[in-house]
Each structure stands twice: as C-alpha cells, then as structure tokens.
Amino acid sequence: MSSKDSLKKFFEWVRSLPCCICGSGYWDLDKGMWRNTVSHIKTKGSGGKDFDNVVPMCLINYCHQQFELKTRQEKQELVELANEYTRRFYEVKLL
C-alpha cells in the first residue's frame, strides 16, 4: 500500500470518529454514517504533518479552533490526542 493510500485510509478513519471536543458529528447521508472534519493541529502551511497531527472535529469546533488562539496546554493536549489516534490507526490496520 502506498503512503498516499495509507493517508487516505487514515483520514477516512479519523473522519468516522466522534469530535474530540464535544463527541458529536454530522450524519452523512451518502455514506450512511457519522462524519467529522479532519483538523490539523499545526497547519500544513506552517510545517505540520498529517500523521500525529490531526484530530476529528465537528464543523462547529473545527471553525472555532481555526479562529481562536489556543493556550500551549490546549495545543499539547490536542497533539497527545493526535498521537493516540495515529497509534490506534496503526494497531487496527495491522490486525
């Protein structure tokens, strides 16, 4: 599997998880499942990666996160969550 395919599967998996802030999401009629947005903690434009740098967020929290400055502690908590999601993805993927 190419890294591009792996990243695509990772993003699809993250989108299927509940919002890391409020636990909600939105119902995707086409997919027949709950969906969320893949939110980069550090933007790709400022050198952020894909793996270990994304968390699932509902659209409300995604917009809120994009325009509100986070404290260093809040950012660190999101980084730790992103690392956990990546670790869980690889555990599931290897089964």
PDB file of N, CA and C in Angstrom:
ATOM      1  N   MET A   1       0.847  -1.178   0.000  1.00  0.00           N
ATOM      2  CA  MET A   1       0.000   0.000   0.000  1.00  0.00           C
ATOM      3  C   MET A   1       0.891   1.239   0.000  1.00  0.00           C
ATOM      4  N   SER A   2       0.580   2.168  -0.890  1.00  0.00           N
ATOM      5  CA  SER A   2       1.386   3.383  -0.964  1.00  0.00           C
ATOM      6  C   SER A   2       1.079   4.289   0.222  1.00  0.00           C
ATOM      7  N   SER A   3       1.977   5.223   0.473  1.00  0.00           N
ATOM      8  CA  SER A   3       1.762   6.153   1.591  1.00  0.00           C
ATOM      9  C   SER A   3       0.537   7.037   1.317  1.00  0.00           C
ATOM     10  N   LYS A   4       0.263   7.327   0.049  1.00  0.00           N
ATOM     11  CA  LYS A   4      -0.916   8.125  -0.300  1.00  0.00           C
ATOM     12  C   LYS A   4      -2.195   7.355   0.041  1.00  0.00           C
ATOM     13  N   ASP A   5      -2.217   6.055  -0.263  1.00  0.00           N
ATOM     14  CA  ASP A   5      -3.372   5.221   0.079  1.00  0.00           C
ATOM     15  C   ASP A   5      -3.530   5.106   1.587  1.00  0.00           C
ATOM     16  N   SER A   6      -2.408   4.956   2.276  1.00  0.00           N
ATOM     17  CA  SER A   6      -2.430   4.852   3.727  1.00  0.00           C
ATOM     18  C   SER A   6      -2.968   6.133   4.352  1.00  0.00           C
ATOM     19  N   LEU A   7      -2.551   7.274   3.850  1.00  0.00           N
ATOM     20  CA  LEU A   7      -3.019   8.559   4.357  1.00  0.00           C
ATOM     21  C   LEU A   7      -4.515   8.734   4.097  1.00  0.00           C
ATOM     22  N   LYS A   8      -4.966   8.336   2.923  1.00  0.00           N
ATOM     23  CA  LYS A   8      -6.384   8.432   2.592  1.00  0.00           C
ATOM     24  C   LYS A   8      -7.210   7.584   3.560  1.00  0.00           C
ATOM     25  N   LYS A   9      -6.761   6.360   3.839  1.00  0.00           N
ATOM     26  CA  LYS A   9      -7.471   5.489   4.778  1.00  0.00           C
ATOM     27  C   LYS A   9      -7.432   6.063   6.190  1.00  0.00           C
ATOM     28  N   PHE A  10      -6.309   6.659   6.560  1.00  0.00           N
ATOM     29  CA  PHE A  10      -6.189   7.275   7.875  1.00  0.00           C
ATOM     30  C   PHE A  10      -7.183   8.421   8.022  1.00  0.00           C
ATOM     31  N   PHE A  11      -7.262   9.292   7.018  1.00  0.00           N
ATOM     32  CA  PHE A  11      -8.197  10.417   7.065  1.00  0.00           C
ATOM     33  C   PHE A  11      -9.649   9.924   7.116  1.00  0.00           C
ATOM     34  N   GLU A  12      -9.985   8.897   6.335  1.00  0.00           N
ATOM     35  CA  GLU A  12     -11.343   8.352   6.376  1.00  0.00           C
ATOM     36  C   GLU A  12     -11.660   7.808   7.762  1.00  0.00           C
ATOM     37  N   TRP A  13     -10.693   7.143   8.379  1.00  0.00           N
ATOM     38  CA  TRP A  13     -10.887   6.601   9.725  1.00  0.00           C
ATOM     39  C   TRP A  13     -11.076   7.727  10.734  1.00  0.00           C
ATOM     40  N   VAL A  14     -10.247   8.772  10.660  1.00  0.00           N
ATOM     41  CA  VAL A  14     -10.367   9.903  11.586  1.00  0.00           C
ATOM     42  C   VAL A  14     -11.725  10.580  11.404  1.00  0.00           C
ATOM     43  N   ARG A  15     -12.185  10.740  10.167  1.00  0.00           N
ATOM     44  CA  ARG A  15     -13.495  11.368   9.920  1.00  0.00           C
ATOM     45  C   ARG A  15     -14.637  10.586  10.551  1.00  0.00           C
ATOM     46  N   SER A  16     -14.467   9.271  10.695  1.00  0.00           N
ATOM     47  CA  SER A  16     -15.532   8.426  11.239  1.00  0.00           C
ATOM     48  C   SER A  16     -15.603   8.474  12.765  1.00  0.00           C
ATOM     49  N   LEU A  17     -14.620   9.099  13.414  1.00  0.00           N
ATOM     50  CA  LEU A  17     -14.582   9.162  14.876  1.00  0.00           C
ATOM     51  C   LEU A  17     -15.392  10.347  15.391  1.00  0.00           C
ATOM     52  N   PRO A  18     -15.861  10.271  16.650  1.00  0.00           N
ATOM     53  CA  PRO A  18     -16.566  11.418  17.233  1.00  0.00           C
ATOM     54  C   PRO A  18     -15.627  12.613  17.403  1.00  0.00           C
ATOM     55  N   CYS A  19     -16.201  13.793  17.436  1.00  0.00           N
ATOM     56  CA  CYS A  19     -15.436  15.025  17.662  1.00  0.00           C
ATOM     57  C   CYS A  19     -14.651  14.895  18.962  1.00  0.00           C
ATOM     58  N   CYS A  20     -13.378  15.246  18.931  1.00  0.00           N
ATOM     59  CA  CYS A  20     -12.532  15.125  20.123  1.00  0.00           C
ATOM     60  C   CYS A  20     -12.857  16.176  21.174  1.00  0.00           C
ATOM     61  N   ILE A  21     -13.649  17.174  20.830  1.00  0.00           N
ATOM     62  CA  ILE A  21     -14.020  18.227  21.778  1.00  0.00           C
ATOM     63  C   ILE A  21     -15.383  17.925  22.420  1.00  0.00           C
ATOM     64  N   CYS A  22     -16.396  17.677  21.599  1.00  0.00           N
ATOM     65  CA  CYS A  22     -17.755  17.528  22.137  1.00  0.00           C
ATOM     66  C   CYS A  22     -18.358  16.142  21.942  1.00  0.00           C
ATOM     67  N   GLY A  23     -17.700  15.286  21.151  1.00  0.00           N
ATOM     68  CA  GLY A  23     -18.197  13.924  20.961  1.00  0.00           C
ATOM     69  C   GLY A  23     -19.286  13.775  19.909  1.00  0.00           C
ATOM     70  N   SER A  24     -19.570  14.831  19.163  1.00  0.00           N
ATOM     71  CA  SER A  24     -20.645  14.745  18.164  1.00  0.00           C
ATOM     72  C   SER A  24     -20.075  14.646  16.754  1.00  0.00           C
ATOM     73  N   GLY A  25     -20.924  14.838  15.788  1.00  0.00           N
ATOM     74  CA  GLY A  25     -20.554  14.807  14.384  1.00  0.00           C
ATOM     75  C   GLY A  25     -21.788  15.150  13.579  1.00  0.00           C
ATOM     76  N   TYR A  26     -21.784  14.838  12.308  1.00  0.00           N
ATOM     77  CA  TYR A  26     -22.970  15.039  11.493  1.00  0.00           C
ATOM     78  C   TYR A  26     -23.220  13.768  10.695  1.00  0.00           C
ATOM     79  N   TRP A  27     -24.467  13.537  10.363  1.00  0.00           N
ATOM     80  CA  TRP A  27     -24.846  12.329   9.646  1.00  0.00           C
ATOM     81  C   TRP A  27     -24.643  12.553   8.154  1.00  0.00           C
ATOM     82  N   ASP A  28     -23.766  11.741   7.553  1.00  0.00           N
ATOM     83  CA  ASP A  28     -23.503  11.804   6.119  1.00  0.00           C
ATOM     84  C   ASP A  28     -24.490  10.878   5.421  1.00  0.00           C
ATOM     85  N   LEU A  29     -25.475  11.456   4.723  1.00  0.00           N
ATOM     86  CA  LEU A  29     -26.499  10.655   4.063  1.00  0.00           C
ATOM     87  C   LEU A  29     -25.913   9.751   2.984  1.00  0.00           C
ATOM     88  N   ASP A  30     -24.900  10.234   2.266  1.00  0.00           N
ATOM     89  CA  ASP A  30     -24.304   9.438   1.195  1.00  0.00           C
ATOM     90  C   ASP A  30     -23.564   8.218   1.739  1.00  0.00           C
ATOM     91  N   LYS A  31     -22.841   8.408   2.843  1.00  0.00           N
ATOM     92  CA  LYS A  31     -22.050   7.316   3.419  1.00  0.00           C
ATOM     93  C   LYS A  31     -22.842   6.494   4.433  1.00  0.00           C
ATOM     94  N   GLY A  32     -23.948   7.063   4.948  1.00  0.00           N
ATOM     95  CA  GLY A  32     -24.745   6.367   5.946  1.00  0.00           C
ATOM     96  C   GLY A  32     -24.009   6.196   7.267  1.00  0.00           C
ATOM     97  N   MET A  33     -23.265   7.232   7.653  1.00  0.00           N
ATOM     98  CA  MET A  33     -22.502   7.150   8.897  1.00  0.00           C
ATOM     99  C   MET A  33     -22.229   8.547   9.443  1.00  0.00           C
ATOM    100  N   TRP A  34     -21.838   8.590  10.722  1.00  0.00           N
ATOM    101  CA  TRP A  34     -21.431   9.859  11.327  1.00  0.00           C
ATOM    102  C   TRP A  34     -20.105  10.282  10.743  1.00  0.00           C
ATOM    103  N   ARG A  35     -19.935  11.574  10.544  1.00  0.00           N
ATOM    104  CA  ARG A  35     -18.707  12.096   9.943  1.00  0.00           C
ATOM    105  C   ARG A  35     -18.238  13.315  10.715  1.00  0.00           C
ATOM    106  N   ASN A  36     -16.971  13.579  10.633  1.00  0.00           N
ATOM    107  CA  ASN A  36     -16.372  14.780  11.185  1.00  0.00           C
ATOM    108  C   ASN A  36     -15.300  15.290  10.244  1.00  0.00           C
ATOM    109  N   THR A  37     -14.734  16.405  10.588  1.00  0.00           N
ATOM    110  CA  THR A  37     -13.682  17.024   9.805  1.00  0.00           C
ATOM    111  C   THR A  37     -12.328  16.597  10.352  1.00  0.00           C
ATOM    112  N   VAL A  38     -11.384  16.378   9.464  1.00  0.00           N
ATOM    113  CA  VAL A  38     -10.002  16.117   9.881  1.00  0.00           C
ATOM    114  C   VAL A  38      -9.360  17.475  10.126  1.00  0.00           C
ATOM    115  N   SER A  39      -8.983  17.725  11.368  1.00  0.00           N
ATOM    116  CA  SER A  39      -8.424  19.027  11.733  1.00  0.00           C
ATOM    117  C   SER A  39      -6.931  18.893  12.028  1.00  0.00           C
ATOM    118  N   HIS A  40      -6.124  19.605  11.247  1.00  0.00           N
ATOM    119  CA  HIS A  40      -4.681  19.638  11.510  1.00  0.00           C
ATOM    120  C   HIS A  40      -4.423  20.563  12.705  1.00  0.00           C
ATOM    121  N   ILE A  41      -3.629  20.105  13.640  1.00  0.00           N
ATOM    122  CA  ILE A  41      -3.291  20.928  14.807  1.00  0.00           C
ATOM    123  C   ILE A  41      -2.332  22.027  14.387  1.00  0.00           C
ATOM    124  N   LYS A  42      -1.282  21.642  13.691  1.00  0.00           N
ATOM    125  CA  LYS A  42      -0.355  22.607  13.098  1.00  0.00           C
ATOM    126  C   LYS A  42      -0.608  22.550  11.596  1.00  0.00           C
ATOM    127  N   THR A  43      -0.931  23.668  10.998  1.00  0.00           N
ATOM    128  CA  THR A  43      -1.289  23.662   9.584  1.00  0.00           C
ATOM    129  C   THR A  43      -0.153  23.139   8.714  1.00  0.00           C
ATOM    130  N   LYS A  44      -0.537  22.572   7.589  1.00  0.00           N
ATOM    131  CA  LYS A  44       0.479  22.069   6.656  1.00  0.00           C
ATOM    132  C   LYS A  44       1.337  23.221   6.147  1.00  0.00           C
ATOM    133  N   GLY A  45       0.734  24.403   5.985  1.00  0.00           N
ATOM    134  CA  GLY A  45       1.467  25.575   5.523  1.00  0.00           C
ATOM    135  C   GLY A  45       2.553  26.022   6.481  1.00  0.00           C
ATOM    136  N   SER A  46       2.383  25.712   7.771  1.00  0.00           N
ATOM    137  CA  SER A  46       3.411  26.086   8.748  1.00  0.00           C
ATOM    138  C   SER A  46       4.258  24.880   9.156  1.00  0.00           C
ATOM    139  N   GLY A  47       4.254  23.843   8.309  1.00  0.00           N
ATOM    140  CA  GLY A  47       5.143  22.707   8.524  1.00  0.00           C
ATOM    141  C   GLY A  47       4.527  21.521   9.251  1.00  0.00           C
ATOM    142  N   GLY A  48       3.206  21.541   9.434  1.00  0.00           N
ATOM    143  CA  GLY A  48       2.543  20.429  10.104  1.00  0.00           C
ATOM    144  C   GLY A  48       2.520  19.179   9.239  1.00  0.00           C
ATOM    145  N   LYS A  49       2.529  18.022   9.901  1.00  0.00           N
ATOM    146  CA  LYS A  49       2.470  16.734   9.205  1.00  0.00           C
ATOM    147  C   LYS A  49       1.015  16.313   9.084  1.00  0.00           C
ATOM    148  N   ASP A  50       0.804  15.117   8.531  1.00  0.00           N
ATOM    149  CA  ASP A  50      -0.532  14.536   8.501  1.00  0.00           C
ATOM    150  C   ASP A  50      -0.692  13.572   9.665  1.00  0.00           C
ATOM    151  N   PHE A  51       0.154  12.559   9.731  1.00  0.00           N
ATOM    152  CA  PHE A  51       0.100  11.626  10.844  1.00  0.00           C
ATOM    153  C   PHE A  51       0.606  12.324  12.107  1.00  0.00           C
ATOM    154  N   ASP A  52       0.067  11.961  13.251  1.00  0.00           N
ATOM    155  CA  ASP A  52       0.423  12.555  14.547  1.00  0.00           C
ATOM    156  C   ASP A  52       0.111  14.047  14.618  1.00  0.00           C
ATOM    157  N   ASN A  53      -0.757  14.548  13.754  1.00  0.00           N
ATOM    158  CA  ASN A  53      -1.044  15.980  13.737  1.00  0.00           C
ATOM    159  C   ASN A  53      -2.506  16.280  13.426  1.00  0.00           C
ATOM    160  N   VAL A  54      -3.370  15.269  13.402  1.00  0.00           N
ATOM    161  CA  VAL A  54      -4.773  15.512  13.084  1.00  0.00           C
ATOM    162  C   VAL A  54      -5.683  14.891  14.135  1.00  0.00           C
ATOM    163  N   VAL A  55      -6.816  15.534  14.350  1.00  0.00           N
ATOM    164  CA  VAL A  55      -7.846  15.038  15.260  1.00  0.00           C
ATOM    165  C   VAL A  55      -9.204  15.230  14.583  1.00  0.00           C
ATOM    166  N   PRO A  56     -10.212  14.422  14.959  1.00  0.00           N
ATOM    167  CA  PRO A  56     -11.545  14.619  14.405  1.00  0.00           C
ATOM    168  C   PRO A  56     -12.270  15.744  15.130  1.00  0.00           C
ATOM    169  N   MET A  57     -12.904  16.629  14.382  1.00  0.00           N
ATOM    170  CA  MET A  57     -13.695  17.708  14.979  1.00  0.00           C
ATOM    171  C   MET A  57     -14.974  17.897  14.191  1.00  0.00           C
ATOM    172  N   CYS A  58     -16.056  18.187  14.920  1.00  0.00           N
ATOM    173  CA  CYS A  58     -17.304  18.562  14.248  1.00  0.00           C
ATOM    174  C   CYS A  58     -17.070  19.931  13.598  1.00  0.00           C
ATOM    175  N   LEU A  59     -17.955  20.304  12.711  1.00  0.00           N
ATOM    176  CA  LEU A  59     -17.757  21.561  11.979  1.00  0.00           C
ATOM    177  C   LEU A  59     -17.755  22.779  12.897  1.00  0.00           C
ATOM    178  N   ILE A  60     -18.568  22.757  13.945  1.00  0.00           N
ATOM    179  CA  ILE A  60     -18.605  23.894  14.868  1.00  0.00           C
ATOM    180  C   ILE A  60     -17.272  24.054  15.573  1.00  0.00           C
ATOM    181  N   ASN A  61     -16.745  22.971  16.149  1.00  0.00           N
ATOM    182  CA  ASN A  61     -15.468  23.068  16.859  1.00  0.00           C
ATOM    183  C   ASN A  61     -14.302  23.290  15.911  1.00  0.00           C
ATOM    184  N   TYR A  62     -14.400  22.765  14.695  1.00  0.00           N
ATOM    185  CA  TYR A  62     -13.353  22.998  13.701  1.00  0.00           C
ATOM    186  C   TYR A  62     -13.238  24.495  13.402  1.00  0.00           C
ATOM    187  N   CYS A  63     -14.366  25.135  13.139  1.00  0.00           N
ATOM    188  CA  CYS A  63     -14.354  26.582  12.864  1.00  0.00           C
ATOM    189  C   CYS A  63     -13.868  27.362  14.079  1.00  0.00           C
ATOM    190  N   HIS A  64     -14.321  26.975  15.241  1.00  0.00           N
ATOM    191  CA  HIS A  64     -13.911  27.640  16.470  1.00  0.00           C
ATOM    192  C   HIS A  64     -12.395  27.517  16.673  1.00  0.00           C
ATOM    193  N   GLN A  65     -11.871  26.317  16.419  1.00  0.00           N
ATOM    194  CA  GLN A  65     -10.433  26.086  16.598  1.00  0.00           C
ATOM    195  C   GLN A  65      -9.599  26.883  15.599  1.00  0.00           C
ATOM    196  N   GLN A  66     -10.122  27.063  14.393  1.00  0.00           N
ATOM    197  CA  GLN A  66      -9.365  27.771  13.361  1.00  0.00           C
ATOM    198  C   GLN A  66      -9.171  29.249  13.681  1.00  0.00           C
ATOM    199  N   PHE A  67     -10.116  29.827  14.432  1.00  0.00           N
ATOM    200  CA  PHE A  67     -10.081  31.266  14.657  1.00  0.00           C
ATOM    201  C   PHE A  67      -9.796  31.674  16.090  1.00  0.00           C
ATOM    202  N   GLU A  68      -9.623  30.708  16.972  1.00  0.00           N
ATOM    203  CA  GLU A  68      -9.336  31.040  18.364  1.00  0.00           C
ATOM    204  C   GLU A  68      -7.914  30.597  18.701  1.00  0.00           C
ATOM    205  N   LEU A  69      -7.173  31.472  19.321  1.00  0.00           N
ATOM    206  CA  LEU A  69      -5.823  31.123  19.737  1.00  0.00           C
ATOM    207  C   LEU A  69      -5.901  30.176  20.932  1.00  0.00           C
ATOM    208  N   LYS A  70      -5.178  29.086  20.859  1.00  0.00           N
ATOM    209  CA  LYS A  70      -5.176  28.094  21.927  1.00  0.00           C
ATOM    210  C   LYS A  70      -4.001  28.347  22.860  1.00  0.00           C
ATOM    211  N   THR A  71      -4.187  27.942  24.113  1.00  0.00           N
ATOM    212  CA  THR A  71      -3.069  28.018  25.043  1.00  0.00           C
ATOM    213  C   THR A  71      -2.084  26.908  24.710  1.00  0.00           C
ATOM    214  N   ARG A  72      -0.895  27.023  25.195  1.00  0.00           N
ATOM    215  CA  ARG A  72       0.122  25.996  24.964  1.00  0.00           C
ATOM    216  C   ARG A  72      -0.353  24.644  25.493  1.00  0.00           C
ATOM    217  N   GLN A  73      -1.029  24.642  26.639  1.00  0.00           N
ATOM    218  CA  GLN A  73      -1.521  23.390  27.224  1.00  0.00           C
ATOM    219  C   GLN A  73      -2.607  22.763  26.350  1.00  0.00           C
ATOM    220  N   GLU A  74      -3.523  23.584  25.838  1.00  0.00           N
ATOM    221  CA  GLU A  74      -4.577  23.060  24.969  1.00  0.00           C
ATOM    222  C   GLU A  74      -3.985  22.462  23.689  1.00  0.00           C
ATOM    223  N   LYS A  75      -3.000  23.129  23.124  1.00  0.00           N
ATOM    224  CA  LYS A  75      -2.346  22.594  21.925  1.00  0.00           C
ATOM    225  C   LYS A  75      -1.650  21.283  22.235  1.00  0.00           C
ATOM    226  N   GLN A  76      -0.978  21.208  23.389  1.00  0.00           N
ATOM    227  CA  GLN A  76      -0.285  19.979  23.767  1.00  0.00           C
ATOM    228  C   GLN A  76      -1.272  18.827  23.955  1.00  0.00           C
ATOM    229  N   GLU A  77      -2.429  19.113  24.529  1.00  0.00           N
ATOM    230  CA  GLU A  77      -3.455  18.078  24.693  1.00  0.00           C
ATOM    231  C   GLU A  77      -3.933  17.574  23.336  1.00  0.00           C
ATOM    232  N   LEU A  78      -4.102  18.472  22.368  1.00  0.00           N
ATOM    233  CA  LEU A  78      -4.503  18.060  21.023  1.00  0.00           C
ATOM    234  C   LEU A  78      -3.409  17.237  20.346  1.00  0.00           C
ATOM    235  N   VAL A  79      -2.150  17.604  20.553  1.00  0.00           N
ATOM    236  CA  VAL A  79      -1.035  16.838  19.990  1.00  0.00           C
ATOM    237  C   VAL A  79      -1.027  15.425  20.572  1.00  0.00           C
ATOM    238  N   GLU A  80      -1.238  15.312  21.875  1.00  0.00           N
ATOM    239  CA  GLU A  80      -1.268  13.992  22.505  1.00  0.00           C
ATOM    240  C   GLU A  80      -2.429  13.154  21.961  1.00  0.00           C
ATOM    241  N   LEU A  81      -3.586  13.796  21.750  1.00  0.00           N
ATOM    242  CA  LEU A  81      -4.719  13.091  21.149  1.00  0.00           C
ATOM    243  C   LEU A  81      -4.380  12.633  19.733  1.00  0.00           C
ATOM    244  N   ALA A  82      -3.767  13.498  18.946  1.00  0.00           N
ATOM    245  CA  ALA A  82      -3.390  13.154  17.571  1.00  0.00           C
ATOM    246  C   ALA A  82      -2.433  11.966  17.555  1.00  0.00           C
ATOM    247  N   ASN A  83      -1.473  11.951  18.459  1.00  0.00           N
ATOM    248  CA  ASN A  83      -0.547  10.824  18.552  1.00  0.00           C
ATOM    249  C   ASN A  83      -1.290   9.538  18.887  1.00  0.00           C
ATOM    250  N   GLU A  84      -2.269   9.620  19.789  1.00  0.00           N
ATOM    251  CA  GLU A  84      -3.057   8.456  20.178  1.00  0.00           C
ATOM    252  C   GLU A  84      -3.893   7.949  19.004  1.00  0.00           C
ATOM    253  N   TYR A  85      -4.500   8.855  18.228  1.00  0.00           N
ATOM    254  CA  TYR A  85      -5.277   8.432  17.065  1.00  0.00           C
ATOM    255  C   TYR A  85      -4.389   7.722  16.043  1.00  0.00           C
ATOM    256  N   THR A  86      -3.206   8.249  15.802  1.00  0.00           N
ATOM    257  CA  THR A  86      -2.291   7.612  14.852  1.00  0.00           C
ATOM    258  C   THR A  86      -1.887   6.224  15.354  1.00  0.00           C
ATOM    259  N   ARG A  87      -1.574   6.117  16.648  1.00  0.00           N
ATOM    260  CA  ARG A  87      -1.194   4.816  17.221  1.00  0.00           C
ATOM    261  C   ARG A  87      -2.350   3.818  17.078  1.00  0.00           C
ATOM    262  N   ARG A  88      -3.570   4.246  17.388  1.00  0.00           N
ATOM    263  CA  ARG A  88      -4.728   3.359  17.284  1.00  0.00           C
ATOM    264  C   ARG A  88      -4.987   2.947  15.842  1.00  0.00           C
ATOM    265  N   PHE A  89      -4.800   3.869  14.898  1.00  0.00           N
ATOM    266  CA  PHE A  89      -4.997   3.549  13.491  1.00  0.00           C
ATOM    267  C   PHE A  89      -4.057   2.434  13.064  1.00  0.00           C
ATOM    268  N   TYR A  90      -2.787   2.538  13.427  1.00  0.00           N
ATOM    269  CA  TYR A  90      -1.826   1.512  13.036  1.00  0.00           C
ATOM    270  C   TYR A  90      -2.084   0.191  13.737  1.00  0.00           C
ATOM    271  N   GLU A  91      -2.575   0.224  14.970  1.00  0.00           N
ATOM    272  CA  GLU A  91      -2.932  -1.025  15.651  1.00  0.00           C
ATOM    273  C   GLU A  91      -4.068  -1.734  14.924  1.00  0.00           C
ATOM    274  N   VAL A  92      -5.101  -0.976  14.566  1.00  0.00           N
ATOM    275  CA  VAL A  92      -6.251  -1.538  13.877  1.00  0.00           C
ATOM    276  C   VAL A  92      -5.855  -2.017  12.487  1.00  0.00           C
ATOM    277  N   LYS A  93      -5.054  -1.219  11.811  1.00  0.00           N
ATOM    278  CA  LYS A  93      -4.627  -1.526  10.452  1.00  0.00           C
ATOM    279  C   LYS A  93      -3.792  -2.814  10.390  1.00  0.00           C
ATOM    280  N   LEU A  94      -3.025  -3.072  11.438  1.00  0.00           N
ATOM    281  CA  LEU A  94      -2.155  -4.252  11.445  1.00  0.00           C
ATOM    282  C   LEU A  94      -2.904  -5.527  11.815  1.00  0.00           C
ATOM    283  N   LEU A  95      -4.118  -5.413  12.340  1.00  0.00           N
ATOM    284  CA  LEU A  95      -4.890  -6.611  12.722  1.00  0.00           C
ATOM    285  C   LEU A  95      -5.427  -7.339  11.528  1.00  0.00           C
TER     286      LEU A  95
END
